[in-house]
Amino acid sequence: MALNGSSQGLTVEQRRVLQMLAGSPTGCTEPALRAHGFRVGLLVGLVGAGLAVAKSETMKAAGRSFGVVRFVITDLGRATVGG
């Protein structure tokens, strides 16, 4: 995790994505997070630090199935952002 000197050691982007995940009870899919400007490397870093988990799932749309990754905040991540 990149440190920026804040009390929790999070960058602005790390804090922003964790707050978004904290406000989403079922987490957010990778495409939704990327649409908000978050890069895959940032998400992978949060998972590696134990602040979020990545879960593979299958979704259906227009009669087709496809795989997506859903990111969910962990208890450690929630405690880190104070939520």
PDB file of N, CA and C in Angstrom:
ATOM      1  N   MET A   1       0.844  -1.176   0.000  1.00  0.00           N
ATOM      2  CA  MET A   1       0.000   0.000   0.000  1.00  0.00           C
ATOM      3  C   MET A   1       0.886   1.236   0.000  1.00  0.00           C
ATOM      4  N   ALA A   2       0.561   2.178  -0.802  1.00  0.00           N
ATOM      5  CA  ALA A   2       1.302   3.433  -0.837  1.00  0.00           C
ATOM      6  C   ALA A   2       0.909   4.288   0.356  1.00  0.00           C
ATOM      7  N   LEU A   3       1.910   4.869   0.980  1.00  0.00           N
ATOM      8  CA  LEU A   3       1.651   5.737   2.116  1.00  0.00           C
ATOM      9  C   LEU A   3       1.748   7.183   1.678  1.00  0.00           C
ATOM     10  N   ASN A   4       0.901   8.008   2.254  1.00  0.00           N
ATOM     11  CA  ASN A   4       0.951   9.425   1.901  1.00  0.00           C
ATOM     12  C   ASN A   4       1.071  10.317   3.125  1.00  0.00           C
ATOM     13  N   GLY A   5       1.305   9.730   4.294  1.00  0.00           N
ATOM     14  CA  GLY A   5       1.456  10.523   5.495  1.00  0.00           C
ATOM     15  C   GLY A   5       0.167  10.783   6.244  1.00  0.00           C
ATOM     16  N   SER A   6      -0.973  10.313   5.731  1.00  0.00           N
ATOM     17  CA  SER A   6      -2.221  10.505   6.460  1.00  0.00           C
ATOM     18  C   SER A   6      -2.233   9.582   7.670  1.00  0.00           C
ATOM     19  N   SER A   7      -3.152   9.807   8.580  1.00  0.00           N
ATOM     20  CA  SER A   7      -3.170   9.024   9.815  1.00  0.00           C
ATOM     21  C   SER A   7      -3.394   7.538   9.547  1.00  0.00           C
ATOM     22  N   GLN A   8      -4.104   7.180   8.510  1.00  0.00           N
ATOM     23  CA  GLN A   8      -4.320   5.775   8.202  1.00  0.00           C
ATOM     24  C   GLN A   8      -3.356   5.265   7.133  1.00  0.00           C
ATOM     25  N   GLY A   9      -2.526   6.119   6.583  1.00  0.00           N
ATOM     26  CA  GLY A   9      -1.567   5.691   5.577  1.00  0.00           C
ATOM     27  C   GLY A   9      -2.176   5.384   4.221  1.00  0.00           C
ATOM     28  N   LEU A  10      -3.351   5.929   3.925  1.00  0.00           N
ATOM     29  CA  LEU A  10      -4.016   5.687   2.647  1.00  0.00           C
ATOM     30  C   LEU A  10      -3.854   6.880   1.721  1.00  0.00           C
ATOM     31  N   THR A  11      -3.787   6.599   0.426  1.00  0.00           N
ATOM     32  CA  THR A  11      -3.841   7.681  -0.543  1.00  0.00           C
ATOM     33  C   THR A  11      -5.287   8.149  -0.660  1.00  0.00           C
ATOM     34  N   VAL A  12      -5.491   9.261  -1.306  1.00  0.00           N
ATOM     35  CA  VAL A  12      -6.841   9.779  -1.527  1.00  0.00           C
ATOM     36  C   VAL A  12      -7.666   8.764  -2.322  1.00  0.00           C
ATOM     37  N   GLU A  13      -7.068   8.154  -3.333  1.00  0.00           N
ATOM     38  CA  GLU A  13      -7.792   7.186  -4.160  1.00  0.00           C
ATOM     39  C   GLU A  13      -8.143   5.928  -3.364  1.00  0.00           C
ATOM     40  N   GLN A  14      -7.214   5.451  -2.538  1.00  0.00           N
ATOM     41  CA  GLN A  14      -7.496   4.275  -1.719  1.00  0.00           C
ATOM     42  C   GLN A  14      -8.653   4.557  -0.766  1.00  0.00           C
ATOM     43  N   ARG A  15      -8.624   5.698  -0.131  1.00  0.00           N
ATOM     44  CA  ARG A  15      -9.696   6.073   0.793  1.00  0.00           C
ATOM     45  C   ARG A  15     -11.022   6.191   0.036  1.00  0.00           C
ATOM     46  N   ARG A  16     -10.989   6.782  -1.154  1.00  0.00           N
ATOM     47  CA  ARG A  16     -12.206   6.981  -1.940  1.00  0.00           C
ATOM     48  C   ARG A  16     -12.855   5.653  -2.327  1.00  0.00           C
ATOM     49  N   VAL A  17     -12.052   4.707  -2.802  1.00  0.00           N
ATOM     50  CA  VAL A  17     -12.632   3.420  -3.204  1.00  0.00           C
ATOM     51  C   VAL A  17     -13.126   2.645  -1.982  1.00  0.00           C
ATOM     52  N   LEU A  18     -12.413   2.711  -0.864  1.00  0.00           N
ATOM     53  CA  LEU A  18     -12.880   2.025   0.338  1.00  0.00           C
ATOM     54  C   LEU A  18     -14.188   2.623   0.839  1.00  0.00           C
ATOM     55  N   GLN A  19     -14.327   3.929   0.767  1.00  0.00           N
ATOM     56  CA  GLN A  19     -15.578   4.563   1.173  1.00  0.00           C
ATOM     57  C   GLN A  19     -16.723   4.146   0.253  1.00  0.00           C
ATOM     58  N   MET A  20     -16.433   4.016  -1.030  1.00  0.00           N
ATOM     59  CA  MET A  20     -17.451   3.566  -1.978  1.00  0.00           C
ATOM     60  C   MET A  20     -17.868   2.127  -1.654  1.00  0.00           C
ATOM     61  N   LEU A  21     -16.887   1.270  -1.380  1.00  0.00           N
ATOM     62  CA  LEU A  21     -17.192  -0.112  -1.030  1.00  0.00           C
ATOM     63  C   LEU A  21     -17.945  -0.193   0.294  1.00  0.00           C
ATOM     64  N   ALA A  22     -17.584   0.655   1.243  1.00  0.00           N
ATOM     65  CA  ALA A  22     -18.257   0.658   2.551  1.00  0.00           C
ATOM     66  C   ALA A  22     -19.727   1.036   2.401  1.00  0.00           C
ATOM     67  N   GLY A  23     -20.057   1.837   1.406  1.00  0.00           N
ATOM     68  CA  GLY A  23     -21.433   2.255   1.181  1.00  0.00           C
ATOM     69  C   GLY A  23     -22.229   1.301   0.311  1.00  0.00           C
ATOM     70  N   SER A  24     -21.609   0.204  -0.099  1.00  0.00           N
ATOM     71  CA  SER A  24     -22.269  -0.780  -0.964  1.00  0.00           C
ATOM     72  C   SER A  24     -22.316  -2.129  -0.253  1.00  0.00           C
ATOM     73  N   PRO A  25     -23.445  -2.483   0.347  1.00  0.00           N
ATOM     74  CA  PRO A  25     -23.532  -3.720   1.140  1.00  0.00           C
ATOM     75  C   PRO A  25     -23.108  -4.983   0.391  1.00  0.00           C
ATOM     76  N   THR A  26     -23.353  -5.028  -0.915  1.00  0.00           N
ATOM     77  CA  THR A  26     -22.973  -6.216  -1.691  1.00  0.00           C
ATOM     78  C   THR A  26     -21.682  -6.011  -2.471  1.00  0.00           C
ATOM     79  N   GLY A  27     -21.001  -4.887  -2.237  1.00  0.00           N
ATOM     80  CA  GLY A  27     -19.767  -4.605  -2.951  1.00  0.00           C
ATOM     81  C   GLY A  27     -20.030  -4.000  -4.317  1.00  0.00           C
ATOM     82  N   CYS A  28     -18.976  -3.876  -5.101  1.00  0.00           N
ATOM     83  CA  CYS A  28     -19.069  -3.280  -6.436  1.00  0.00           C
ATOM     84  C   CYS A  28     -18.291  -4.146  -7.418  1.00  0.00           C
ATOM     85  N   THR A  29     -18.803  -4.247  -8.624  1.00  0.00           N
ATOM     86  CA  THR A  29     -18.102  -5.012  -9.646  1.00  0.00           C
ATOM     87  C   THR A  29     -16.913  -4.212 -10.177  1.00  0.00           C
ATOM     88  N   GLU A  30     -15.941  -4.949 -10.718  1.00  0.00           N
ATOM     89  CA  GLU A  30     -14.769  -4.293 -11.298  1.00  0.00           C
ATOM     90  C   GLU A  30     -15.159  -3.276 -12.373  1.00  0.00           C
ATOM     91  N   PRO A  31     -16.078  -3.609 -13.303  1.00  0.00           N
ATOM     92  CA  PRO A  31     -16.440  -2.606 -14.304  1.00  0.00           C
ATOM     93  C   PRO A  31     -17.026  -1.326 -13.693  1.00  0.00           C
ATOM     94  N   ALA A  32     -17.817  -1.462 -12.643  1.00  0.00           N
ATOM     95  CA  ALA A  32     -18.395  -0.277 -11.993  1.00  0.00           C
ATOM     96  C   ALA A  32     -17.294   0.565 -11.356  1.00  0.00           C
ATOM     97  N   LEU A  33     -16.337  -0.086 -10.712  1.00  0.00           N
ATOM     98  CA  LEU A  33     -15.240   0.652 -10.086  1.00  0.00           C
ATOM     99  C   LEU A  33     -14.343   1.309 -11.132  1.00  0.00           C
ATOM    100  N   ARG A  34     -14.111   0.604 -12.224  1.00  0.00           N
ATOM    101  CA  ARG A  34     -13.301   1.189 -13.308  1.00  0.00           C
ATOM    102  C   ARG A  34     -14.023   2.383 -13.934  1.00  0.00           C
ATOM    103  N   ALA A  35     -15.339   2.305 -14.000  1.00  0.00           N
ATOM    104  CA  ALA A  35     -16.114   3.422 -14.547  1.00  0.00           C
ATOM    105  C   ALA A  35     -15.983   4.667 -13.677  1.00  0.00           C
ATOM    106  N   HIS A  36     -15.678   4.468 -12.395  1.00  0.00           N
ATOM    107  CA  HIS A  36     -15.448   5.595 -11.486  1.00  0.00           C
ATOM    108  C   HIS A  36     -13.991   6.038 -11.491  1.00  0.00           C
ATOM    109  N   GLY A  37     -13.181   5.432 -12.360  1.00  0.00           N
ATOM    110  CA  GLY A  37     -11.797   5.861 -12.518  1.00  0.00           C
ATOM    111  C   GLY A  37     -10.778   5.105 -11.704  1.00  0.00           C
ATOM    112  N   PHE A  38     -11.176   4.031 -11.028  1.00  0.00           N
ATOM    113  CA  PHE A  38     -10.235   3.259 -10.231  1.00  0.00           C
ATOM    114  C   PHE A  38      -9.507   2.258 -11.118  1.00  0.00           C
ATOM    115  N   ARG A  39      -8.206   2.173 -10.953  1.00  0.00           N
ATOM    116  CA  ARG A  39      -7.400   1.250 -11.755  1.00  0.00           C
ATOM    117  C   ARG A  39      -7.316  -0.111 -11.086  1.00  0.00           C
ATOM    118  N   VAL A  40      -7.112  -1.139 -11.913  1.00  0.00           N
ATOM    119  CA  VAL A  40      -7.039  -2.507 -11.408  1.00  0.00           C
ATOM    120  C   VAL A  40      -5.920  -2.639 -10.381  1.00  0.00           C
ATOM    121  N   GLY A  41      -4.775  -2.018 -10.622  1.00  0.00           N
ATOM    122  CA  GLY A  41      -3.662  -2.102  -9.685  1.00  0.00           C
ATOM    123  C   GLY A  41      -4.017  -1.595  -8.300  1.00  0.00           C
ATOM    124  N   LEU A  42      -4.822  -0.555  -8.222  1.00  0.00           N
ATOM    125  CA  LEU A  42      -5.276  -0.013  -6.944  1.00  0.00           C
ATOM    126  C   LEU A  42      -6.140  -1.045  -6.225  1.00  0.00           C
ATOM    127  N   LEU A  43      -7.050  -1.669  -6.962  1.00  0.00           N
ATOM    128  CA  LEU A  43      -7.944  -2.663  -6.381  1.00  0.00           C
ATOM    129  C   LEU A  43      -7.168  -3.888  -5.905  1.00  0.00           C
ATOM    130  N   VAL A  44      -6.211  -4.318  -6.699  1.00  0.00           N
ATOM    131  CA  VAL A  44      -5.373  -5.459  -6.320  1.00  0.00           C
ATOM    132  C   VAL A  44      -4.584  -5.136  -5.054  1.00  0.00           C
ATOM    133  N   GLY A  45      -4.099  -3.909  -4.942  1.00  0.00           N
ATOM    134  CA  GLY A  45      -3.366  -3.497  -3.754  1.00  0.00           C
ATOM    135  C   GLY A  45      -4.217  -3.544  -2.500  1.00  0.00           C
ATOM    136  N   LEU A  46      -5.470  -3.148  -2.612  1.00  0.00           N
ATOM    137  CA  LEU A  46      -6.378  -3.187  -1.467  1.00  0.00           C
ATOM    138  C   LEU A  46      -6.646  -4.627  -1.034  1.00  0.00           C
ATOM    139  N   VAL A  47      -6.784  -5.517  -2.013  1.00  0.00           N
ATOM    140  CA  VAL A  47      -6.991  -6.934  -1.704  1.00  0.00           C
ATOM    141  C   VAL A  47      -5.738  -7.493  -1.034  1.00  0.00           C
ATOM    142  N   GLY A  48      -4.577  -7.174  -1.570  1.00  0.00           N
ATOM    143  CA  GLY A  48      -3.317  -7.654  -1.002  1.00  0.00           C
ATOM    144  C   GLY A  48      -3.083  -7.178   0.420  1.00  0.00           C
ATOM    145  N   ALA A  49      -3.584  -5.991   0.740  1.00  0.00           N
ATOM    146  CA  ALA A  49      -3.430  -5.428   2.081  1.00  0.00           C
ATOM    147  C   ALA A  49      -4.512  -5.920   3.043  1.00  0.00           C
ATOM    148  N   GLY A  50      -5.463  -6.712   2.539  1.00  0.00           N
ATOM    149  CA  GLY A  50      -6.524  -7.236   3.391  1.00  0.00           C
ATOM    150  C   GLY A  50      -7.648  -6.251   3.650  1.00  0.00           C
ATOM    151  N   LEU A  51      -7.708  -5.160   2.883  1.00  0.00           N
ATOM    152  CA  LEU A  51      -8.737  -4.148   3.074  1.00  0.00           C
ATOM    153  C   LEU A  51      -9.997  -4.427   2.261  1.00  0.00           C
ATOM    154  N   ALA A  52      -9.882  -5.296   1.277  1.00  0.00           N
ATOM    155  CA  ALA A  52     -11.011  -5.689   0.427  1.00  0.00           C
ATOM    156  C   ALA A  52     -10.776  -7.127  -0.023  1.00  0.00           C
ATOM    157  N   VAL A  53     -11.840  -7.779  -0.449  1.00  0.00           N
ATOM    158  CA  VAL A  53     -11.738  -9.106  -1.056  1.00  0.00           C
ATOM    159  C   VAL A  53     -12.348  -9.043  -2.447  1.00  0.00           C
ATOM    160  N   ALA A  54     -11.852  -9.904  -3.322  1.00  0.00           N
ATOM    161  CA  ALA A  54     -12.363 -10.006  -4.679  1.00  0.00           C
ATOM    162  C   ALA A  54     -13.064 -11.356  -4.817  1.00  0.00           C
ATOM    163  N   LYS A  55     -14.294 -11.322  -5.298  1.00  0.00           N
ATOM    164  CA  LYS A  55     -15.081 -12.536  -5.453  1.00  0.00           C
ATOM    165  C   LYS A  55     -15.506 -12.668  -6.909  1.00  0.00           C
ATOM    166  N   SER A  56     -15.229 -13.826  -7.495  1.00  0.00           N
ATOM    167  CA  SER A  56     -15.666 -14.089  -8.866  1.00  0.00           C
ATOM    168  C   SER A  56     -17.125 -14.509  -8.849  1.00  0.00           C
ATOM    169  N   GLU A  57     -17.875 -14.040  -9.819  1.00  0.00           N
ATOM    170  CA  GLU A  57     -19.269 -14.455  -9.935  1.00  0.00           C
ATOM    171  C   GLU A  57     -19.697 -14.423 -11.388  1.00  0.00           C
ATOM    172  N   THR A  58     -20.784 -15.088 -11.657  1.00  0.00           N
ATOM    173  CA  THR A  58     -21.345 -15.120 -13.003  1.00  0.00           C
ATOM    174  C   THR A  58     -22.608 -14.281 -13.022  1.00  0.00           C
ATOM    175  N   MET A  59     -22.706 -13.420 -14.021  1.00  0.00           N
ATOM    176  CA  MET A  59     -23.897 -12.590 -14.188  1.00  0.00           C
ATOM    177  C   MET A  59     -24.542 -12.950 -15.517  1.00  0.00           C
ATOM    178  N   LYS A  60     -25.842 -12.686 -15.603  1.00  0.00           N
ATOM    179  CA  LYS A  60     -26.569 -12.914 -16.855  1.00  0.00           C
ATOM    180  C   LYS A  60     -27.188 -11.607 -17.309  1.00  0.00           C
ATOM    181  N   ALA A  61     -27.070 -11.353 -18.588  1.00  0.00           N
ATOM    182  CA  ALA A  61     -27.686 -10.176 -19.197  1.00  0.00           C
ATOM    183  C   ALA A  61     -27.993 -10.508 -20.648  1.00  0.00           C
ATOM    184  N   ALA A  62     -29.157 -10.135 -21.073  1.00  0.00           N
ATOM    185  CA  ALA A  62     -29.583 -10.365 -22.454  1.00  0.00           C
ATOM    186  C   ALA A  62     -29.413 -11.830 -22.864  1.00  0.00           C
ATOM    187  N   GLY A  63     -29.690 -12.726 -21.924  1.00  0.00           N
ATOM    188  CA  GLY A  63     -29.625 -14.141 -22.229  1.00  0.00           C
ATOM    189  C   GLY A  63     -28.228 -14.724 -22.278  1.00  0.00           C
ATOM    190  N   ARG A  64     -27.225 -13.941 -21.922  1.00  0.00           N
ATOM    191  CA  ARG A  64     -25.842 -14.429 -21.951  1.00  0.00           C
ATOM    192  C   ARG A  64     -25.258 -14.390 -20.553  1.00  0.00           C
ATOM    193  N   SER A  65     -24.365 -15.324 -20.273  1.00  0.00           N
ATOM    194  CA  SER A  65     -23.667 -15.365 -18.997  1.00  0.00           C
ATOM    195  C   SER A  65     -22.244 -14.860 -19.194  1.00  0.00           C
ATOM    196  N   PHE A  66     -21.754 -14.155 -18.188  1.00  0.00           N
ATOM    197  CA  PHE A  66     -20.366 -13.697 -18.242  1.00  0.00           C
ATOM    198  C   PHE A  66     -19.832 -13.564 -16.822  1.00  0.00           C
ATOM    199  N   GLY A  67     -18.524 -13.684 -16.703  1.00  0.00           N
ATOM    200  CA  GLY A  67     -17.882 -13.606 -15.399  1.00  0.00           C
ATOM    201  C   GLY A  67     -17.477 -12.186 -15.053  1.00  0.00           C
ATOM    202  N   VAL A  68     -17.642 -11.832 -13.798  1.00  0.00           N
ATOM    203  CA  VAL A  68     -17.193 -10.538 -13.289  1.00  0.00           C
ATOM    204  C   VAL A  68     -16.547 -10.762 -11.927  1.00  0.00           C
ATOM    205  N   VAL A  69     -15.792  -9.765 -11.503  1.00  0.00           N
ATOM    206  CA  VAL A  69     -15.200  -9.785 -10.171  1.00  0.00           C
ATOM    207  C   VAL A  69     -15.869  -8.697  -9.355  1.00  0.00           C
ATOM    208  N   ARG A  70     -16.336  -9.070  -8.173  1.00  0.00           N
ATOM    209  CA  ARG A  70     -16.975  -8.129  -7.258  1.00  0.00           C
ATOM    210  C   ARG A  70     -16.028  -7.890  -6.090  1.00  0.00           C
ATOM    211  N   PHE A  71     -15.813  -6.627  -5.754  1.00  0.00           N
ATOM    212  CA  PHE A  71     -14.959  -6.244  -4.635  1.00  0.00           C
ATOM    213  C   PHE A  71     -15.836  -5.863  -3.452  1.00  0.00           C
ATOM    214  N   VAL A  72     -15.472  -6.384  -2.284  1.00  0.00           N
ATOM    215  CA  VAL A  72     -16.215  -6.143  -1.054  1.00  0.00           C
ATOM    216  C   VAL A  72     -15.211  -5.705   0.010  1.00  0.00           C
ATOM    217  N   ILE A  73     -15.558  -4.692   0.782  1.00  0.00           N
ATOM    218  CA  ILE A  73     -14.691  -4.209   1.852  1.00  0.00           C
ATOM    219  C   ILE A  73     -14.651  -5.244   2.978  1.00  0.00           C
ATOM    220  N   THR A  74     -13.500  -5.372   3.615  1.00  0.00           N
ATOM    221  CA  THR A  74     -13.363  -6.263   4.771  1.00  0.00           C
ATOM    222  C   THR A  74     -13.586  -5.465   6.050  1.00  0.00           C
ATOM    223  N   ASP A  75     -13.647  -6.168   7.168  1.00  0.00           N
ATOM    224  CA  ASP A  75     -13.760  -5.497   8.454  1.00  0.00           C
ATOM    225  C   ASP A  75     -12.546  -4.590   8.697  1.00  0.00           C
ATOM    226  N   LEU A  76     -11.366  -5.058   8.298  1.00  0.00           N
ATOM    227  CA  LEU A  76     -10.157  -4.243   8.436  1.00  0.00           C
ATOM    228  C   LEU A  76     -10.259  -2.980   7.578  1.00  0.00           C
ATOM    229  N   GLY A  77     -10.758  -3.134   6.361  1.00  0.00           N
ATOM    230  CA  GLY A  77     -10.937  -1.968   5.487  1.00  0.00           C
ATOM    231  C   GLY A  77     -11.930  -0.976   6.068  1.00  0.00           C
ATOM    232  N   ARG A  78     -13.014  -1.499   6.613  1.00  0.00           N
ATOM    233  CA  ARG A  78     -14.038  -0.640   7.219  1.00  0.00           C
ATOM    234  C   ARG A  78     -13.455   0.093   8.427  1.00  0.00           C
ATOM    235  N   ALA A  79     -12.687  -0.604   9.236  1.00  0.00           N
ATOM    236  CA  ALA A  79     -12.063   0.042  10.402  1.00  0.00           C
ATOM    237  C   ALA A  79     -11.041   1.091   9.975  1.00  0.00           C
ATOM    238  N   THR A  80     -10.365   0.838   8.881  1.00  0.00           N
ATOM    239  CA  THR A  80      -9.336   1.765   8.396  1.00  0.00           C
ATOM    240  C   THR A  80      -9.931   3.081   7.934  1.00  0.00           C
ATOM    241  N   VAL A  81     -11.108   3.034   7.315  1.00  0.00           N
ATOM    242  CA  VAL A  81     -11.745   4.281   6.866  1.00  0.00           C
ATOM    243  C   VAL A  81     -12.720   4.824   7.893  1.00  0.00           C
ATOM    244  N   GLY A  82     -12.815   4.153   9.025  1.00  0.00           N
ATOM    245  CA  GLY A  82     -13.651   4.660  10.107  1.00  0.00           C
ATOM    246  C   GLY A  82     -15.127   4.469   9.909  1.00  0.00           C
ATOM    247  N   GLY A  83     -15.500   3.409   9.197  1.00  0.00           N
ATOM    248  CA  GLY A  83     -16.922   3.180   8.969  1.00  0.00           C
ATOM    249  C   GLY A  83     -17.342   1.911   9.530  1.00  0.00           C
TER     250      GLY A  83
END
